[in-house]
Amino acid sequence: MFNRTTLYILIAALAAGLGLLAARHVFEQRAATPQPPLQAVRLFSPPRELPAFSLRQSDGTALVPGELKGHWTLVFLGFTHCPDVCPTTLAELAQAQKRWEALPEPVRPRVLFVSVDPERDTPDRIGEYAHAFHRDTLAATADVPALENFAKSVGMVFAKVPAPAGADASQYTMDHSATLAVLDPQGRWAGLIRPPFAPAAIAADLAALTQASP
């Protein structure tokens, strides 16, 4: 005959065993659940932590890693004097932004435009420029060393190209990466999108990732 203490021990062991089986079942179900099919976004495994950075937003406040948490974010490097790639890309992203406007604001994907031309692009200027494409677009810049560190952390580069000989020195341009960096809701570099950009595919991917996030 079992005494009462032995009975309690057996009941506790049985409960623990059932708990482990239930946890294993949930884990196996989650593991068997396919990732959302993505058309444009290429995700990394695992995501990569970003080193500390500090950019200056168009409203004058600091943009630090914590500000980017809670949302999937697309990061694009550019400058307001860009003649073609920048306005085209921001216009395409604006189309994607319109498609995901129905998502709840607390988790809605975001677009971050980072100017790599702080010599000409003041916070006010980048804000006006970015918001002309979509009101929700974030805009930021910094001094060149800080921009270089940030760009490197998301696999991008940029460089100043002097004006042609005989031209006004202020007529320089900027070479920069044209890819989009994808940051996850933990603020990590989670993937990228390469051009050419398809707004519908980008919007579908970001909506799927948002809905799949815990």
N, C-alpha and C. Protein backbone atom coordinates (compact mmCIF):
# COMPACT_ATOMS: atom_id res chain seq x y z
N MET A 1 0.84 -1.20 0.00
CA MET A 1 0.00 0.00 0.00
C MET A 1 0.89 1.26 0.00
N PHE A 2 0.50 2.25 -0.78
CA PHE A 2 1.23 3.50 -0.79
C PHE A 2 0.77 4.35 0.38
N ASN A 3 1.70 5.01 1.04
CA ASN A 3 1.28 5.98 2.03
C ASN A 3 0.93 7.29 1.34
N ARG A 4 0.41 8.25 2.11
CA ARG A 4 -0.08 9.50 1.52
C ARG A 4 1.04 10.28 0.85
N THR A 5 2.23 10.31 1.45
CA THR A 5 3.37 11.06 0.88
C THR A 5 3.75 10.50 -0.48
N THR A 6 3.81 9.16 -0.56
CA THR A 6 4.17 8.53 -1.84
C THR A 6 3.13 8.86 -2.91
N LEU A 7 1.85 8.86 -2.50
CA LEU A 7 0.79 9.18 -3.45
C LEU A 7 0.93 10.60 -4.00
N TYR A 8 1.24 11.55 -3.08
CA TYR A 8 1.42 12.93 -3.53
C TYR A 8 2.57 13.05 -4.52
N ILE A 9 3.66 12.31 -4.24
CA ILE A 9 4.83 12.36 -5.12
C ILE A 9 4.46 11.82 -6.51
N LEU A 10 3.71 10.72 -6.53
CA LEU A 10 3.31 10.15 -7.83
C LEU A 10 2.41 11.10 -8.60
N ILE A 11 1.47 11.75 -7.89
CA ILE A 11 0.58 12.70 -8.56
C ILE A 11 1.36 13.87 -9.14
N ALA A 12 2.33 14.38 -8.37
CA ALA A 12 3.15 15.50 -8.84
C ALA A 12 3.97 15.09 -10.05
N ALA A 13 4.53 13.87 -10.01
CA ALA A 13 5.34 13.39 -11.14
C ALA A 13 4.49 13.23 -12.38
N LEU A 14 3.25 12.70 -12.20
CA LEU A 14 2.36 12.54 -13.34
C LEU A 14 1.99 13.88 -13.95
N ALA A 15 1.71 14.86 -13.08
CA ALA A 15 1.36 16.20 -13.58
C ALA A 15 2.51 16.82 -14.34
N ALA A 16 3.73 16.64 -13.80
CA ALA A 16 4.90 17.19 -14.49
C ALA A 16 5.09 16.54 -15.85
N GLY A 17 4.87 15.22 -15.88
CA GLY A 17 5.02 14.51 -17.15
C GLY A 17 4.02 14.97 -18.18
N LEU A 18 2.76 15.13 -17.73
CA LEU A 18 1.73 15.63 -18.65
C LEU A 18 2.05 17.04 -19.14
N GLY A 19 2.61 17.85 -18.23
CA GLY A 19 2.99 19.21 -18.62
C GLY A 19 4.06 19.21 -19.68
N LEU A 20 5.05 18.32 -19.54
CA LEU A 20 6.12 18.23 -20.53
C LEU A 20 5.57 17.77 -21.87
N LEU A 21 4.64 16.80 -21.84
CA LEU A 21 4.05 16.33 -23.09
C LEU A 21 3.27 17.43 -23.77
N ALA A 22 2.52 18.21 -22.97
CA ALA A 22 1.74 19.32 -23.55
C ALA A 22 2.66 20.36 -24.15
N ALA A 23 3.75 20.70 -23.43
CA ALA A 23 4.69 21.69 -23.94
C ALA A 23 5.34 21.21 -25.22
N ARG A 24 5.67 19.91 -25.25
CA ARG A 24 6.29 19.35 -26.46
C ARG A 24 5.33 19.40 -27.63
N HIS A 25 4.03 19.12 -27.35
CA HIS A 25 3.04 19.15 -28.41
C HIS A 25 2.90 20.56 -28.99
N VAL A 26 2.86 21.57 -28.11
CA VAL A 26 2.76 22.97 -28.56
C VAL A 26 3.98 23.35 -29.37
N PHE A 27 5.17 22.95 -28.88
CA PHE A 27 6.40 23.28 -29.60
C PHE A 27 6.41 22.65 -30.98
N GLU A 28 5.98 21.37 -31.05
CA GLU A 28 5.99 20.69 -32.35
C GLU A 28 4.99 21.32 -33.30
N GLN A 29 3.84 21.77 -32.74
CA GLN A 29 2.87 22.45 -33.59
C GLN A 29 3.44 23.74 -34.16
N ARG A 30 4.14 24.51 -33.29
CA ARG A 30 4.73 25.77 -33.75
C ARG A 30 5.82 25.52 -34.77
N ALA A 31 6.64 24.49 -34.52
CA ALA A 31 7.73 24.18 -35.44
C ALA A 31 7.19 23.75 -36.79
N ALA A 32 6.01 23.08 -36.75
CA ALA A 32 5.43 22.60 -38.00
C ALA A 32 4.71 23.70 -38.75
N THR A 33 4.41 24.82 -38.07
CA THR A 33 3.72 25.93 -38.72
C THR A 33 4.67 26.65 -39.67
N PRO A 34 4.35 26.70 -40.96
CA PRO A 34 5.28 27.33 -41.90
C PRO A 34 5.38 28.82 -41.69
N GLN A 35 6.55 29.38 -42.00
CA GLN A 35 6.73 30.82 -41.97
C GLN A 35 5.87 31.44 -43.06
N PRO A 36 5.44 32.69 -42.87
CA PRO A 36 4.62 33.30 -43.93
C PRO A 36 5.41 33.35 -45.23
N PRO A 37 4.78 32.99 -46.34
CA PRO A 37 5.50 33.04 -47.62
C PRO A 37 5.86 34.48 -47.97
N LEU A 38 7.13 34.70 -48.27
CA LEU A 38 7.61 36.05 -48.54
C LEU A 38 8.02 36.17 -50.00
N GLN A 39 7.64 37.27 -50.61
CA GLN A 39 7.93 37.50 -52.02
C GLN A 39 9.14 38.41 -52.23
N ALA A 40 9.27 39.42 -51.38
CA ALA A 40 10.31 40.44 -51.58
C ALA A 40 11.37 40.43 -50.50
N VAL A 41 10.98 40.10 -49.26
CA VAL A 41 11.90 40.17 -48.13
C VAL A 41 12.74 38.91 -48.05
N ARG A 42 14.03 39.09 -47.90
CA ARG A 42 14.94 37.98 -47.63
C ARG A 42 15.36 38.08 -46.16
N LEU A 43 14.92 37.12 -45.34
CA LEU A 43 15.22 37.16 -43.91
C LEU A 43 16.53 36.44 -43.60
N PHE A 44 17.22 36.91 -42.56
CA PHE A 44 18.42 36.26 -42.06
C PHE A 44 18.03 35.31 -40.92
N SER A 45 18.87 34.33 -40.70
CA SER A 45 18.67 33.44 -39.55
C SER A 45 20.02 33.16 -38.91
N PRO A 46 20.26 33.71 -37.71
CA PRO A 46 19.34 34.52 -36.90
C PRO A 46 19.48 36.00 -37.26
N PRO A 47 18.54 36.85 -36.79
CA PRO A 47 18.69 38.29 -36.98
C PRO A 47 19.96 38.80 -36.29
N ARG A 48 20.45 39.94 -36.72
CA ARG A 48 21.71 40.47 -36.21
C ARG A 48 21.47 41.71 -35.35
N GLU A 49 22.01 41.68 -34.16
CA GLU A 49 21.88 42.81 -33.24
C GLU A 49 22.59 44.04 -33.81
N LEU A 50 21.98 45.21 -33.66
CA LEU A 50 22.61 46.45 -34.11
C LEU A 50 23.44 47.04 -32.98
N PRO A 51 24.63 47.55 -33.29
CA PRO A 51 25.39 48.26 -32.27
C PRO A 51 24.70 49.57 -31.93
N ALA A 52 25.11 50.18 -30.84
CA ALA A 52 24.50 51.45 -30.43
C ALA A 52 24.65 52.49 -31.54
N PHE A 53 23.60 53.29 -31.72
CA PHE A 53 23.65 54.37 -32.70
C PHE A 53 22.76 55.50 -32.20
N SER A 54 22.96 56.68 -32.77
CA SER A 54 22.12 57.82 -32.43
C SER A 54 22.00 58.70 -33.66
N LEU A 55 20.80 58.75 -34.21
CA LEU A 55 20.49 59.61 -35.34
C LEU A 55 19.59 60.74 -34.86
N ARG A 56 19.50 61.79 -35.64
CA ARG A 56 18.67 62.94 -35.28
C ARG A 56 17.44 62.95 -36.18
N GLN A 57 16.25 62.87 -35.59
CA GLN A 57 15.03 62.83 -36.36
C GLN A 57 14.66 64.22 -36.88
N SER A 58 13.70 64.24 -37.79
CA SER A 58 13.31 65.51 -38.40
C SER A 58 12.70 66.48 -37.41
N ASP A 59 12.18 65.95 -36.28
CA ASP A 59 11.62 66.85 -35.26
C ASP A 59 12.66 67.27 -34.23
N GLY A 60 13.91 66.89 -34.46
CA GLY A 60 15.00 67.29 -33.58
C GLY A 60 15.29 66.32 -32.46
N THR A 61 14.44 65.31 -32.26
CA THR A 61 14.67 64.34 -31.19
C THR A 61 15.63 63.25 -31.66
N ALA A 62 16.23 62.56 -30.70
CA ALA A 62 17.18 61.50 -31.02
C ALA A 62 16.44 60.24 -31.43
N LEU A 63 16.99 59.56 -32.43
CA LEU A 63 16.50 58.24 -32.82
C LEU A 63 17.55 57.24 -32.35
N VAL A 64 17.20 56.47 -31.33
CA VAL A 64 18.10 55.48 -30.76
C VAL A 64 17.47 54.10 -30.95
N PRO A 65 18.23 53.01 -30.75
CA PRO A 65 17.70 51.66 -31.02
C PRO A 65 16.33 51.39 -30.42
N GLY A 66 16.08 51.84 -29.19
CA GLY A 66 14.80 51.56 -28.55
C GLY A 66 13.61 52.13 -29.29
N GLU A 67 13.83 53.23 -30.05
CA GLU A 67 12.74 53.87 -30.78
C GLU A 67 12.22 52.98 -31.91
N LEU A 68 13.02 52.02 -32.35
CA LEU A 68 12.65 51.20 -33.49
C LEU A 68 12.00 49.89 -33.08
N LYS A 69 11.78 49.69 -31.80
CA LYS A 69 11.19 48.43 -31.35
C LYS A 69 9.66 48.46 -31.43
N GLY A 70 9.10 47.29 -31.63
CA GLY A 70 7.65 47.16 -31.68
C GLY A 70 7.06 47.14 -33.08
N HIS A 71 7.88 47.44 -34.08
CA HIS A 71 7.41 47.49 -35.46
C HIS A 71 8.44 46.82 -36.38
N TRP A 72 7.99 46.28 -37.49
CA TRP A 72 8.89 45.96 -38.59
C TRP A 72 9.18 47.28 -39.30
N THR A 73 10.45 47.53 -39.60
CA THR A 73 10.86 48.81 -40.16
C THR A 73 11.73 48.60 -41.40
N LEU A 74 11.44 49.36 -42.44
CA LEU A 74 12.27 49.35 -43.65
C LEU A 74 13.14 50.61 -43.63
N VAL A 75 14.45 50.40 -43.76
CA VAL A 75 15.40 51.52 -43.72
C VAL A 75 15.95 51.76 -45.11
N PHE A 76 15.89 53.03 -45.54
CA PHE A 76 16.41 53.42 -46.85
C PHE A 76 17.37 54.59 -46.71
N LEU A 77 18.57 54.46 -47.27
CA LEU A 77 19.53 55.56 -47.28
C LEU A 77 19.33 56.39 -48.53
N GLY A 78 19.44 57.72 -48.39
CA GLY A 78 19.30 58.57 -49.56
C GLY A 78 19.65 60.01 -49.22
N PHE A 79 19.21 60.94 -50.05
CA PHE A 79 19.44 62.37 -49.82
C PHE A 79 18.44 63.16 -50.64
N THR A 80 18.10 64.35 -50.19
CA THR A 80 17.00 65.08 -50.82
C THR A 80 17.33 65.65 -52.19
N HIS A 81 18.63 65.78 -52.51
CA HIS A 81 19.00 66.27 -53.83
C HIS A 81 19.13 65.14 -54.85
N CYS A 82 18.79 63.94 -54.46
CA CYS A 82 18.88 62.77 -55.33
C CYS A 82 17.94 62.95 -56.52
N PRO A 83 18.44 62.78 -57.75
CA PRO A 83 17.61 63.06 -58.92
C PRO A 83 16.66 61.94 -59.33
N ASP A 84 16.93 60.70 -58.92
CA ASP A 84 16.10 59.61 -59.46
C ASP A 84 15.81 58.49 -58.47
N VAL A 85 16.86 57.81 -57.98
CA VAL A 85 16.65 56.62 -57.16
C VAL A 85 15.85 56.92 -55.90
N CYS A 86 16.20 57.98 -55.20
CA CYS A 86 15.54 58.28 -53.92
C CYS A 86 14.05 58.60 -54.08
N PRO A 87 13.68 59.55 -54.95
CA PRO A 87 12.25 59.82 -55.08
C PRO A 87 11.47 58.63 -55.62
N THR A 88 12.09 57.87 -56.51
CA THR A 88 11.40 56.69 -57.05
C THR A 88 11.15 55.66 -55.95
N THR A 89 12.19 55.41 -55.15
CA THR A 89 12.06 54.41 -54.08
C THR A 89 11.05 54.85 -53.03
N LEU A 90 11.11 56.11 -52.61
CA LEU A 90 10.16 56.59 -51.60
C LEU A 90 8.73 56.58 -52.13
N ALA A 91 8.56 56.83 -53.41
CA ALA A 91 7.22 56.77 -54.00
C ALA A 91 6.71 55.33 -54.01
N GLU A 92 7.60 54.38 -54.30
CA GLU A 92 7.21 52.97 -54.28
C GLU A 92 6.88 52.52 -52.86
N LEU A 93 7.68 52.97 -51.90
CA LEU A 93 7.41 52.62 -50.50
C LEU A 93 6.10 53.25 -50.02
N ALA A 94 5.79 54.44 -50.50
CA ALA A 94 4.53 55.08 -50.13
C ALA A 94 3.34 54.25 -50.60
N GLN A 95 3.48 53.62 -51.76
CA GLN A 95 2.41 52.74 -52.24
C GLN A 95 2.22 51.56 -51.29
N ALA A 96 3.35 51.00 -50.82
CA ALA A 96 3.27 49.90 -49.85
C ALA A 96 2.66 50.38 -48.54
N GLN A 97 3.07 51.57 -48.09
CA GLN A 97 2.53 52.11 -46.84
C GLN A 97 1.02 52.28 -46.90
N LYS A 98 0.50 52.71 -48.03
CA LYS A 98 -0.95 52.88 -48.17
C LYS A 98 -1.66 51.55 -48.04
N ARG A 99 -1.01 50.48 -48.50
CA ARG A 99 -1.64 49.15 -48.44
C ARG A 99 -1.70 48.60 -47.02
N TRP A 100 -0.78 49.01 -46.15
CA TRP A 100 -0.82 48.46 -44.78
C TRP A 100 -1.38 49.48 -43.76
N GLU A 101 -1.98 50.56 -44.23
CA GLU A 101 -2.54 51.56 -43.32
C GLU A 101 -3.63 51.00 -42.42
N ALA A 102 -4.29 49.92 -42.86
CA ALA A 102 -5.38 49.35 -42.06
C ALA A 102 -4.86 48.59 -40.84
N LEU A 103 -3.58 48.27 -40.79
CA LEU A 103 -3.03 47.57 -39.64
C LEU A 103 -3.03 48.50 -38.42
N PRO A 104 -3.19 47.95 -37.22
CA PRO A 104 -3.20 48.80 -36.01
C PRO A 104 -1.92 49.62 -35.87
N GLU A 105 -2.06 50.88 -35.52
CA GLU A 105 -0.90 51.79 -35.44
C GLU A 105 0.20 51.27 -34.51
N PRO A 106 -0.12 50.64 -33.36
CA PRO A 106 0.95 50.20 -32.46
C PRO A 106 1.90 49.16 -33.07
N VAL A 107 1.45 48.46 -34.12
CA VAL A 107 2.31 47.43 -34.74
C VAL A 107 2.52 47.67 -36.24
N ARG A 108 1.96 48.75 -36.75
CA ARG A 108 2.03 49.01 -38.19
C ARG A 108 3.49 49.14 -38.65
N PRO A 109 3.86 48.50 -39.78
CA PRO A 109 5.24 48.64 -40.29
C PRO A 109 5.57 50.11 -40.56
N ARG A 110 6.87 50.41 -40.52
CA ARG A 110 7.31 51.79 -40.71
C ARG A 110 8.42 51.87 -41.77
N VAL A 111 8.56 53.04 -42.31
CA VAL A 111 9.65 53.33 -43.25
C VAL A 111 10.52 54.41 -42.62
N LEU A 112 11.82 54.18 -42.62
CA LEU A 112 12.78 55.16 -42.09
C LEU A 112 13.71 55.60 -43.21
N PHE A 113 13.62 56.88 -43.55
CA PHE A 113 14.51 57.49 -44.55
C PHE A 113 15.67 58.14 -43.82
N VAL A 114 16.90 57.70 -44.11
CA VAL A 114 18.09 58.25 -43.46
C VAL A 114 18.90 59.01 -44.49
N SER A 115 19.00 60.33 -44.32
CA SER A 115 19.79 61.13 -45.24
C SER A 115 21.28 60.99 -44.94
N VAL A 116 22.04 60.72 -46.00
CA VAL A 116 23.50 60.59 -45.85
C VAL A 116 24.19 61.87 -46.34
N ASP A 117 23.43 62.96 -46.39
CA ASP A 117 23.96 64.25 -46.85
C ASP A 117 23.68 65.34 -45.80
N PRO A 118 24.25 65.19 -44.61
CA PRO A 118 23.94 66.16 -43.55
C PRO A 118 24.41 67.58 -43.85
N GLU A 119 25.33 67.72 -44.80
CA GLU A 119 25.82 69.06 -45.16
C GLU A 119 24.70 69.92 -45.74
N ARG A 120 23.80 69.31 -46.49
CA ARG A 120 22.71 70.05 -47.11
C ARG A 120 21.34 69.71 -46.51
N ASP A 121 21.22 68.54 -45.95
CA ASP A 121 19.91 68.07 -45.47
C ASP A 121 19.74 68.33 -43.97
N THR A 122 19.07 69.42 -43.66
CA THR A 122 18.75 69.74 -42.27
C THR A 122 17.58 68.86 -41.82
N PRO A 123 17.36 68.74 -40.51
CA PRO A 123 16.21 67.97 -40.04
C PRO A 123 14.88 68.45 -40.64
N ASP A 124 14.69 69.76 -40.71
CA ASP A 124 13.44 70.27 -41.29
C ASP A 124 13.29 69.84 -42.75
N ARG A 125 14.39 69.91 -43.48
CA ARG A 125 14.34 69.59 -44.91
C ARG A 125 14.01 68.11 -45.13
N ILE A 126 14.65 67.23 -44.36
CA ILE A 126 14.39 65.80 -44.58
C ILE A 126 12.97 65.44 -44.16
N GLY A 127 12.46 66.13 -43.15
CA GLY A 127 11.09 65.87 -42.74
C GLY A 127 10.10 66.25 -43.83
N GLU A 128 10.27 67.44 -44.39
CA GLU A 128 9.39 67.90 -45.46
C GLU A 128 9.48 66.97 -46.67
N TYR A 129 10.70 66.57 -46.98
CA TYR A 129 10.93 65.71 -48.14
C TYR A 129 10.26 64.34 -47.95
N ALA A 130 10.51 63.70 -46.82
CA ALA A 130 9.96 62.36 -46.57
C ALA A 130 8.44 62.38 -46.47
N HIS A 131 7.90 63.40 -45.79
CA HIS A 131 6.46 63.45 -45.59
C HIS A 131 5.71 63.81 -46.86
N ALA A 132 6.40 64.34 -47.84
CA ALA A 132 5.75 64.61 -49.12
C ALA A 132 5.37 63.31 -49.82
N PHE A 133 6.06 62.22 -49.49
CA PHE A 133 5.74 60.92 -50.08
C PHE A 133 4.69 60.20 -49.24
N HIS A 134 4.88 60.19 -47.91
CA HIS A 134 3.87 59.59 -47.01
C HIS A 134 4.05 60.20 -45.63
N ARG A 135 2.94 60.56 -45.02
CA ARG A 135 2.99 61.28 -43.74
C ARG A 135 3.62 60.46 -42.62
N ASP A 136 3.59 59.11 -42.73
CA ASP A 136 4.11 58.27 -41.65
C ASP A 136 5.60 57.98 -41.76
N THR A 137 6.23 58.39 -42.85
CA THR A 137 7.65 58.08 -43.04
C THR A 137 8.50 58.81 -42.00
N LEU A 138 9.35 58.06 -41.33
CA LEU A 138 10.31 58.66 -40.40
C LEU A 138 11.52 59.14 -41.19
N ALA A 139 12.12 60.24 -40.72
CA ALA A 139 13.30 60.78 -41.40
C ALA A 139 14.34 61.14 -40.36
N ALA A 140 15.59 60.83 -40.66
CA ALA A 140 16.67 61.10 -39.70
C ALA A 140 17.98 61.31 -40.43
N THR A 141 18.94 61.90 -39.74
CA THR A 141 20.29 62.07 -40.26
C THR A 141 21.23 62.16 -39.06
N ALA A 142 22.50 62.45 -39.31
CA ALA A 142 23.49 62.57 -38.24
C ALA A 142 24.76 63.12 -38.87
N ASP A 143 25.82 63.24 -38.07
CA ASP A 143 27.09 63.62 -38.68
C ASP A 143 27.63 62.41 -39.44
N VAL A 144 28.61 62.66 -40.31
CA VAL A 144 29.09 61.60 -41.21
C VAL A 144 29.61 60.37 -40.47
N PRO A 145 30.44 60.52 -39.43
CA PRO A 145 30.91 59.31 -38.73
C PRO A 145 29.77 58.46 -38.17
N ALA A 146 28.76 59.11 -37.58
CA ALA A 146 27.63 58.36 -37.04
C ALA A 146 26.83 57.68 -38.15
N LEU A 147 26.69 58.37 -39.28
CA LEU A 147 25.99 57.78 -40.42
C LEU A 147 26.75 56.59 -40.97
N GLU A 148 28.07 56.72 -41.04
CA GLU A 148 28.88 55.60 -41.55
C GLU A 148 28.74 54.38 -40.66
N ASN A 149 28.74 54.58 -39.35
CA ASN A 149 28.60 53.46 -38.42
C ASN A 149 27.22 52.80 -38.56
N PHE A 150 26.19 53.63 -38.67
CA PHE A 150 24.85 53.08 -38.81
C PHE A 150 24.70 52.32 -40.12
N ALA A 151 25.17 52.94 -41.22
CA ALA A 151 25.06 52.29 -42.53
C ALA A 151 25.78 50.95 -42.53
N LYS A 152 26.96 50.93 -41.96
CA LYS A 152 27.74 49.68 -41.91
C LYS A 152 27.00 48.61 -41.13
N SER A 153 26.31 49.00 -40.07
CA SER A 153 25.62 48.02 -39.22
C SER A 153 24.46 47.34 -39.92
N VAL A 154 23.94 47.96 -41.00
CA VAL A 154 22.86 47.34 -41.77
C VAL A 154 23.33 47.00 -43.19
N GLY A 155 24.63 46.82 -43.34
CA GLY A 155 25.19 46.33 -44.60
C GLY A 155 25.14 47.30 -45.76
N MET A 156 25.16 48.60 -45.47
CA MET A 156 25.08 49.59 -46.54
C MET A 156 26.31 50.50 -46.54
N VAL A 157 26.49 51.21 -47.63
CA VAL A 157 27.61 52.14 -47.77
C VAL A 157 27.11 53.40 -48.49
N PHE A 158 27.88 54.48 -48.35
CA PHE A 158 27.62 55.70 -49.11
C PHE A 158 28.92 56.47 -49.24
N ALA A 159 28.96 57.37 -50.21
CA ALA A 159 30.17 58.17 -50.42
C ALA A 159 29.80 59.45 -51.16
N LYS A 160 30.50 60.52 -50.82
CA LYS A 160 30.29 61.80 -51.49
C LYS A 160 31.04 61.81 -52.81
N VAL A 161 30.38 62.27 -53.86
CA VAL A 161 30.98 62.36 -55.20
C VAL A 161 31.13 63.84 -55.54
N PRO A 162 32.37 64.36 -55.63
CA PRO A 162 32.57 65.80 -55.90
C PRO A 162 31.91 66.24 -57.20
N ALA A 163 31.58 67.53 -57.26
CA ALA A 163 31.01 68.10 -58.48
C ALA A 163 32.04 68.05 -59.61
N PRO A 164 31.59 67.97 -60.83
CA PRO A 164 32.52 67.95 -61.97
C PRO A 164 33.41 69.20 -61.98
N ALA A 165 34.56 69.07 -62.58
CA ALA A 165 35.49 70.20 -62.67
C ALA A 165 34.81 71.39 -63.33
N GLY A 166 34.97 72.55 -62.71
CA GLY A 166 34.39 73.77 -63.24
C GLY A 166 32.99 74.06 -62.73
N ALA A 167 32.36 73.06 -62.09
CA ALA A 167 31.00 73.26 -61.57
C ALA A 167 31.07 73.79 -60.14
N ASP A 168 29.97 74.33 -59.67
CA ASP A 168 29.89 74.80 -58.29
C ASP A 168 30.12 73.62 -57.35
N ALA A 169 30.98 73.80 -56.37
CA ALA A 169 31.31 72.71 -55.45
C ALA A 169 30.11 72.18 -54.71
N SER A 170 29.08 73.02 -54.55
CA SER A 170 27.88 72.58 -53.83
C SER A 170 27.02 71.63 -54.66
N GLN A 171 27.38 71.44 -55.91
CA GLN A 171 26.59 70.58 -56.79
C GLN A 171 27.09 69.12 -56.76
N TYR A 172 27.69 68.73 -55.66
CA TYR A 172 28.14 67.35 -55.54
C TYR A 172 26.93 66.42 -55.43
N THR A 173 27.18 65.13 -55.54
CA THR A 173 26.11 64.15 -55.36
C THR A 173 26.58 63.09 -54.38
N MET A 174 25.72 62.13 -54.10
CA MET A 174 26.04 61.07 -53.14
C MET A 174 25.76 59.71 -53.78
N ASP A 175 26.72 58.82 -53.69
CA ASP A 175 26.49 57.43 -54.05
C ASP A 175 26.07 56.70 -52.79
N HIS A 176 25.09 55.81 -52.90
CA HIS A 176 24.63 55.09 -51.70
C HIS A 176 23.98 53.77 -52.10
N SER A 177 23.93 52.86 -51.17
CA SER A 177 23.27 51.58 -51.41
C SER A 177 21.79 51.81 -51.72
N ALA A 178 21.27 50.97 -52.60
CA ALA A 178 19.87 51.11 -52.99
C ALA A 178 18.98 50.04 -52.35
N THR A 179 19.56 49.11 -51.61
CA THR A 179 18.76 48.08 -50.96
C THR A 179 18.02 48.66 -49.75
N LEU A 180 17.04 47.95 -49.27
CA LEU A 180 16.31 48.30 -48.06
C LEU A 180 16.73 47.34 -46.95
N ALA A 181 17.07 47.87 -45.81
CA ALA A 181 17.34 47.03 -44.64
C ALA A 181 16.02 46.78 -43.92
N VAL A 182 15.82 45.55 -43.48
CA VAL A 182 14.59 45.19 -42.76
C VAL A 182 14.95 44.96 -41.29
N LEU A 183 14.32 45.76 -40.41
CA LEU A 183 14.52 45.60 -38.98
C LEU A 183 13.28 44.96 -38.37
N ASP A 184 13.49 44.01 -37.45
CA ASP A 184 12.36 43.33 -36.83
C ASP A 184 11.86 44.11 -35.61
N PRO A 185 10.77 43.66 -34.98
CA PRO A 185 10.22 44.42 -33.84
C PRO A 185 11.13 44.49 -32.63
N GLN A 186 12.21 43.71 -32.62
CA GLN A 186 13.20 43.82 -31.55
C GLN A 186 14.32 44.80 -31.91
N GLY A 187 14.19 45.45 -33.07
CA GLY A 187 15.18 46.42 -33.49
C GLY A 187 16.44 45.80 -34.06
N ARG A 188 16.37 44.53 -34.48
CA ARG A 188 17.54 43.85 -35.04
C ARG A 188 17.49 43.90 -36.56
N TRP A 189 18.67 43.83 -37.18
CA TRP A 189 18.73 43.74 -38.64
C TRP A 189 18.32 42.32 -39.01
N ALA A 190 17.12 42.18 -39.56
CA ALA A 190 16.54 40.86 -39.78
C ALA A 190 16.54 40.42 -41.23
N GLY A 191 16.81 41.34 -42.16
CA GLY A 191 16.77 40.95 -43.56
C GLY A 191 16.96 42.14 -44.47
N LEU A 192 16.70 41.93 -45.75
CA LEU A 192 16.85 43.00 -46.73
C LEU A 192 15.89 42.79 -47.89
N ILE A 193 15.71 43.85 -48.66
CA ILE A 193 14.94 43.81 -49.90
C ILE A 193 15.80 44.44 -50.98
N ARG A 194 15.99 43.72 -52.05
CA ARG A 194 16.80 44.24 -53.15
C ARG A 194 15.90 44.82 -54.25
N PRO A 195 16.39 45.86 -54.94
CA PRO A 195 15.62 46.39 -56.07
C PRO A 195 15.68 45.40 -57.25
N PRO A 196 14.73 45.50 -58.17
CA PRO A 196 13.63 46.47 -58.25
C PRO A 196 12.55 46.14 -57.22
N PHE A 197 11.86 47.20 -56.78
CA PHE A 197 10.89 47.05 -55.70
C PHE A 197 9.47 46.91 -56.26
N ALA A 198 8.74 45.97 -55.69
CA ALA A 198 7.34 45.76 -56.05
C ALA A 198 6.49 46.13 -54.85
N PRO A 199 5.84 47.29 -54.85
CA PRO A 199 5.10 47.75 -53.67
C PRO A 199 4.10 46.74 -53.13
N ALA A 200 3.37 46.07 -54.01
CA ALA A 200 2.36 45.11 -53.55
C ALA A 200 3.01 43.95 -52.81
N ALA A 201 4.14 43.46 -53.32
CA ALA A 201 4.83 42.34 -52.68
C ALA A 201 5.44 42.78 -51.35
N ILE A 202 6.00 43.97 -51.31
CA ILE A 202 6.57 44.49 -50.06
C ILE A 202 5.48 44.64 -49.01
N ALA A 203 4.35 45.21 -49.40
CA ALA A 203 3.25 45.40 -48.46
C ALA A 203 2.73 44.06 -47.94
N ALA A 204 2.60 43.09 -48.83
CA ALA A 204 2.10 41.77 -48.42
C ALA A 204 3.08 41.11 -47.44
N ASP A 205 4.37 41.21 -47.73
CA ASP A 205 5.38 40.61 -46.85
C ASP A 205 5.37 41.26 -45.46
N LEU A 206 5.34 42.58 -45.42
CA LEU A 206 5.38 43.27 -44.13
C LEU A 206 4.10 43.02 -43.33
N ALA A 207 2.97 42.93 -44.01
CA ALA A 207 1.72 42.62 -43.32
C ALA A 207 1.77 41.21 -42.75
N ALA A 208 2.29 40.26 -43.53
CA ALA A 208 2.39 38.88 -43.06
C ALA A 208 3.34 38.77 -41.87
N LEU A 209 4.48 39.44 -41.95
CA LEU A 209 5.44 39.40 -40.85
C LEU A 209 4.86 40.03 -39.59
N THR A 210 4.13 41.12 -39.77
CA THR A 210 3.50 41.79 -38.62
C THR A 210 2.48 40.88 -37.95
N GLN A 211 1.66 40.24 -38.75
CA GLN A 211 0.62 39.38 -38.20
C GLN A 211 1.21 38.11 -37.56
N ALA A 212 2.39 37.68 -38.04
CA ALA A 212 3.01 36.48 -37.50
C ALA A 212 3.84 36.75 -36.25
N SER A 213 4.11 38.03 -35.99
CA SER A 213 4.94 38.37 -34.82
C SER A 213 4.15 38.15 -33.55
N PRO A 214 4.83 37.65 -32.50
CA PRO A 214 4.14 37.42 -31.22
C PRO A 214 3.66 38.72 -30.58
